[in-house]
Amino acid sequence: MEEISIIWADKAKENARDIYGYLFEGSATYAATWADEVERKLDMLIKFPEMGRIVPEFNVSFIREIFAGQYRIVYTFQNKIITVVSVRSMLQPLGKL
């Protein structure tokens, strides 16, 4: 059986770094907790890639999201590849991917 892999789009990496930096300014402990939660959720995606809900703004089955704290982790799942395309606050509109 082929293994599912996770890749990060450059913009999603940048988003995650910015969020981590913002959280770190308030609390290094909370920032580390958030990063651990993101890692745990992504590990779960490898086993259950369709566990995230379909993103309502797009309403297509291969664009999904999971949540870590108040942040949306938007990803696509196609051909055994999970691509994290965006990480942003639930308070921000998603816009284009």
N, C-alpha and C. Protein backbone atom coordinates (compact mmCIF):
# COMPACT_ATOMS: atom_id res chain seq x y z
N MET A 1 0.84 -1.18 0.00
CA MET A 1 0.00 0.00 0.00
C MET A 1 0.89 1.25 0.00
N GLU A 2 0.56 2.18 -0.89
CA GLU A 2 1.32 3.42 -0.96
C GLU A 2 1.07 4.27 0.26
N GLU A 3 2.12 4.89 0.73
CA GLU A 3 1.99 5.75 1.90
C GLU A 3 1.55 7.15 1.48
N ILE A 4 0.73 7.75 2.32
CA ILE A 4 0.28 9.11 2.09
C ILE A 4 1.37 10.05 2.59
N SER A 5 1.63 11.10 1.83
CA SER A 5 2.64 12.07 2.25
C SER A 5 2.01 13.45 2.41
N ILE A 6 2.68 14.28 3.20
CA ILE A 6 2.23 15.65 3.44
C ILE A 6 3.31 16.60 2.93
N ILE A 7 2.88 17.58 2.15
CA ILE A 7 3.78 18.64 1.73
C ILE A 7 3.13 19.98 2.11
N TRP A 8 3.94 20.97 2.27
CA TRP A 8 3.47 22.31 2.63
C TRP A 8 3.71 23.26 1.46
N ALA A 9 2.67 24.00 1.07
CA ALA A 9 2.86 25.09 0.11
C ALA A 9 3.68 26.17 0.81
N ASP A 10 4.47 26.89 0.05
CA ASP A 10 5.32 27.93 0.64
C ASP A 10 4.52 28.94 1.45
N LYS A 11 3.38 29.36 0.93
CA LYS A 11 2.55 30.35 1.62
C LYS A 11 2.04 29.79 2.95
N ALA A 12 1.67 28.52 2.98
CA ALA A 12 1.19 27.90 4.22
C ALA A 12 2.30 27.84 5.25
N LYS A 13 3.52 27.53 4.82
CA LYS A 13 4.67 27.52 5.74
C LYS A 13 4.87 28.91 6.34
N GLU A 14 4.80 29.91 5.47
CA GLU A 14 4.97 31.30 5.92
C GLU A 14 3.86 31.67 6.92
N ASN A 15 2.61 31.30 6.60
CA ASN A 15 1.49 31.57 7.51
C ASN A 15 1.75 30.94 8.88
N ALA A 16 2.14 29.67 8.88
CA ALA A 16 2.35 28.94 10.14
C ALA A 16 3.49 29.58 10.95
N ARG A 17 4.56 29.97 10.28
CA ARG A 17 5.67 30.63 10.98
C ARG A 17 5.22 31.95 11.60
N ASP A 18 4.43 32.72 10.83
CA ASP A 18 3.94 34.00 11.34
C ASP A 18 3.03 33.80 12.55
N ILE A 19 2.15 32.82 12.47
CA ILE A 19 1.24 32.53 13.59
C ILE A 19 2.05 32.10 14.81
N TYR A 20 3.00 31.21 14.61
CA TYR A 20 3.83 30.75 15.72
C TYR A 20 4.55 31.94 16.36
N GLY A 21 5.12 32.82 15.54
CA GLY A 21 5.81 33.99 16.06
C GLY A 21 4.88 34.90 16.86
N TYR A 22 3.68 35.10 16.34
CA TYR A 22 2.69 35.92 17.04
C TYR A 22 2.33 35.30 18.39
N LEU A 23 2.07 34.00 18.38
CA LEU A 23 1.71 33.31 19.62
C LEU A 23 2.88 33.33 20.61
N PHE A 24 4.09 33.17 20.10
CA PHE A 24 5.29 33.15 20.94
C PHE A 24 5.47 34.47 21.69
N GLU A 25 5.13 35.58 21.02
CA GLU A 25 5.24 36.89 21.67
C GLU A 25 4.37 36.95 22.93
N GLY A 26 3.22 36.30 22.88
CA GLY A 26 2.32 36.28 24.04
C GLY A 26 2.69 35.23 25.06
N SER A 27 3.08 34.05 24.57
CA SER A 27 3.40 32.94 25.46
C SER A 27 4.16 31.86 24.70
N ALA A 28 5.39 31.65 25.10
CA ALA A 28 6.20 30.60 24.47
C ALA A 28 5.55 29.24 24.68
N THR A 29 4.96 29.05 25.84
CA THR A 29 4.30 27.77 26.15
C THR A 29 3.11 27.54 25.23
N TYR A 30 2.27 28.57 25.05
CA TYR A 30 1.11 28.42 24.18
C TYR A 30 1.54 28.18 22.74
N ALA A 31 2.57 28.89 22.29
CA ALA A 31 3.06 28.69 20.93
C ALA A 31 3.52 27.25 20.73
N ALA A 32 4.24 26.71 21.70
CA ALA A 32 4.71 25.32 21.60
C ALA A 32 3.54 24.34 21.63
N THR A 33 2.55 24.64 22.46
CA THR A 33 1.35 23.79 22.53
C THR A 33 0.62 23.78 21.19
N TRP A 34 0.50 24.97 20.58
CA TRP A 34 -0.16 25.08 19.28
C TRP A 34 0.61 24.29 18.22
N ALA A 35 1.92 24.45 18.19
CA ALA A 35 2.75 23.73 17.21
C ALA A 35 2.61 22.22 17.40
N ASP A 36 2.57 21.75 18.64
CA ASP A 36 2.38 20.32 18.92
C ASP A 36 1.01 19.85 18.42
N GLU A 37 -0.01 20.69 18.62
CA GLU A 37 -1.35 20.32 18.16
C GLU A 37 -1.40 20.22 16.64
N VAL A 38 -0.76 21.16 15.96
CA VAL A 38 -0.70 21.11 14.49
C VAL A 38 -0.03 19.81 14.06
N GLU A 39 1.08 19.47 14.68
CA GLU A 39 1.81 18.25 14.33
C GLU A 39 0.95 17.00 14.56
N ARG A 40 0.26 16.95 15.70
CA ARG A 40 -0.62 15.81 16.00
C ARG A 40 -1.74 15.68 14.97
N LYS A 41 -2.34 16.81 14.62
CA LYS A 41 -3.44 16.78 13.65
C LYS A 41 -2.94 16.31 12.28
N LEU A 42 -1.77 16.77 11.88
CA LEU A 42 -1.22 16.35 10.59
C LEU A 42 -0.86 14.87 10.61
N ASP A 43 -0.36 14.37 11.73
CA ASP A 43 -0.09 12.94 11.86
C ASP A 43 -1.38 12.13 11.71
N MET A 44 -2.47 12.65 12.27
CA MET A 44 -3.77 11.97 12.14
C MET A 44 -4.24 11.97 10.69
N LEU A 45 -3.95 13.05 9.97
CA LEU A 45 -4.36 13.14 8.56
C LEU A 45 -3.73 12.04 7.72
N ILE A 46 -2.51 11.65 8.06
CA ILE A 46 -1.86 10.58 7.29
C ILE A 46 -2.68 9.30 7.38
N LYS A 47 -3.28 9.04 8.54
CA LYS A 47 -4.11 7.85 8.71
C LYS A 47 -5.52 8.05 8.18
N PHE A 48 -6.04 9.27 8.34
CA PHE A 48 -7.43 9.56 7.97
C PHE A 48 -7.47 10.86 7.15
N PRO A 49 -7.01 10.84 5.91
CA PRO A 49 -6.86 12.07 5.14
C PRO A 49 -8.16 12.81 4.84
N GLU A 50 -9.27 12.13 4.94
CA GLU A 50 -10.55 12.80 4.66
C GLU A 50 -11.29 13.15 5.94
N MET A 51 -10.57 13.17 7.08
CA MET A 51 -11.23 13.47 8.35
C MET A 51 -11.64 14.94 8.46
N GLY A 52 -10.94 15.82 7.77
CA GLY A 52 -11.29 17.24 7.81
C GLY A 52 -12.60 17.50 7.10
N ARG A 53 -13.23 18.59 7.50
CA ARG A 53 -14.49 18.93 6.83
C ARG A 53 -14.20 19.58 5.50
N ILE A 54 -15.14 19.46 4.58
CA ILE A 54 -15.03 20.14 3.29
C ILE A 54 -15.12 21.64 3.56
N VAL A 55 -14.22 22.40 2.96
CA VAL A 55 -14.20 23.85 3.18
C VAL A 55 -15.45 24.47 2.55
N PRO A 56 -16.30 25.10 3.37
CA PRO A 56 -17.57 25.62 2.86
C PRO A 56 -17.41 26.66 1.74
N GLU A 57 -16.35 27.45 1.78
CA GLU A 57 -16.16 28.47 0.75
C GLU A 57 -15.94 27.88 -0.64
N PHE A 58 -15.48 26.64 -0.70
CA PHE A 58 -15.19 26.01 -1.99
C PHE A 58 -16.13 24.86 -2.31
N ASN A 59 -16.57 24.14 -1.29
CA ASN A 59 -17.53 23.05 -1.43
C ASN A 59 -17.13 22.01 -2.47
N VAL A 60 -15.86 21.64 -2.45
CA VAL A 60 -15.39 20.53 -3.29
C VAL A 60 -14.71 19.51 -2.37
N SER A 61 -14.87 18.26 -2.69
CA SER A 61 -14.48 17.20 -1.75
C SER A 61 -12.98 17.10 -1.48
N PHE A 62 -12.13 17.61 -2.36
CA PHE A 62 -10.69 17.45 -2.14
C PHE A 62 -10.05 18.64 -1.42
N ILE A 63 -10.84 19.69 -1.12
CA ILE A 63 -10.33 20.82 -0.33
C ILE A 63 -10.98 20.75 1.04
N ARG A 64 -10.17 20.48 2.04
CA ARG A 64 -10.68 20.22 3.39
C ARG A 64 -9.93 21.06 4.41
N GLU A 65 -10.44 21.04 5.64
CA GLU A 65 -9.77 21.78 6.70
C GLU A 65 -9.92 21.07 8.03
N ILE A 66 -8.90 21.28 8.84
CA ILE A 66 -8.91 20.86 10.24
C ILE A 66 -8.59 22.11 11.05
N PHE A 67 -8.76 22.01 12.34
CA PHE A 67 -8.56 23.18 13.20
C PHE A 67 -7.53 22.88 14.28
N ALA A 68 -6.71 23.88 14.57
CA ALA A 68 -5.76 23.81 15.69
C ALA A 68 -5.93 25.13 16.43
N GLY A 69 -6.50 25.05 17.62
CA GLY A 69 -6.83 26.28 18.33
C GLY A 69 -7.84 27.05 17.49
N GLN A 70 -7.62 28.33 17.32
CA GLN A 70 -8.53 29.14 16.52
C GLN A 70 -8.03 29.32 15.08
N TYR A 71 -7.24 28.37 14.62
CA TYR A 71 -6.65 28.46 13.29
C TYR A 71 -7.12 27.34 12.38
N ARG A 72 -7.40 27.71 11.14
CA ARG A 72 -7.82 26.76 10.11
C ARG A 72 -6.58 26.27 9.37
N ILE A 73 -6.48 24.97 9.21
CA ILE A 73 -5.42 24.38 8.40
C ILE A 73 -6.12 23.79 7.19
N VAL A 74 -5.97 24.47 6.06
CA VAL A 74 -6.66 24.08 4.84
C VAL A 74 -5.70 23.23 4.01
N TYR A 75 -6.23 22.11 3.51
CA TYR A 75 -5.38 21.20 2.75
C TYR A 75 -6.16 20.58 1.59
N THR A 76 -5.41 20.11 0.62
CA THR A 76 -6.01 19.33 -0.45
C THR A 76 -5.53 17.89 -0.29
N PHE A 77 -6.34 16.98 -0.77
CA PHE A 77 -5.95 15.57 -0.75
C PHE A 77 -6.25 14.97 -2.11
N GLN A 78 -5.18 14.68 -2.85
CA GLN A 78 -5.30 14.08 -4.17
C GLN A 78 -4.11 13.16 -4.41
N ASN A 79 -4.38 12.03 -5.01
CA ASN A 79 -3.31 11.10 -5.41
C ASN A 79 -2.36 10.75 -4.26
N LYS A 80 -2.93 10.48 -3.09
CA LYS A 80 -2.16 10.08 -1.90
C LYS A 80 -1.23 11.19 -1.38
N ILE A 81 -1.49 12.43 -1.79
CA ILE A 81 -0.69 13.56 -1.32
C ILE A 81 -1.60 14.58 -0.64
N ILE A 82 -1.23 14.91 0.60
CA ILE A 82 -1.90 15.98 1.33
C ILE A 82 -1.03 17.22 1.16
N THR A 83 -1.61 18.29 0.66
CA THR A 83 -0.89 19.54 0.52
C THR A 83 -1.53 20.58 1.43
N VAL A 84 -0.78 21.04 2.41
CA VAL A 84 -1.27 22.11 3.28
C VAL A 84 -1.14 23.40 2.48
N VAL A 85 -2.28 24.05 2.20
CA VAL A 85 -2.26 25.22 1.34
C VAL A 85 -2.45 26.54 2.08
N SER A 86 -3.00 26.47 3.31
CA SER A 86 -3.21 27.71 4.06
C SER A 86 -3.35 27.41 5.54
N VAL A 87 -2.83 28.31 6.35
CA VAL A 87 -3.03 28.27 7.80
C VAL A 87 -3.38 29.69 8.18
N ARG A 88 -4.59 29.88 8.72
CA ARG A 88 -4.99 31.23 9.09
C ARG A 88 -6.04 31.23 10.18
N SER A 89 -6.22 32.37 10.78
CA SER A 89 -7.20 32.53 11.85
C SER A 89 -8.60 32.27 11.32
N MET A 90 -9.44 31.70 12.17
CA MET A 90 -10.84 31.50 11.79
C MET A 90 -11.54 32.84 11.58
N LEU A 91 -10.97 33.91 12.10
CA LEU A 91 -11.59 35.23 11.98
C LEU A 91 -11.30 35.89 10.63
N GLN A 92 -10.33 35.37 9.89
CA GLN A 92 -9.97 35.93 8.59
C GLN A 92 -10.73 35.21 7.49
N PRO A 93 -11.21 35.96 6.49
CA PRO A 93 -11.81 35.28 5.34
C PRO A 93 -10.74 34.48 4.60
N LEU A 94 -11.14 33.37 4.03
CA LEU A 94 -10.17 32.49 3.39
C LEU A 94 -9.64 33.07 2.08
N GLY A 95 -10.49 33.63 1.27
CA GLY A 95 -10.03 34.20 0.00
C GLY A 95 -9.55 33.11 -0.95
N LYS A 96 -8.67 33.48 -1.86
CA LYS A 96 -8.13 32.53 -2.84
C LYS A 96 -7.05 31.68 -2.20
N LEU A 97 -6.93 30.46 -2.69
CA LEU A 97 -5.87 29.57 -2.20
C LEU A 97 -4.68 29.65 -3.09
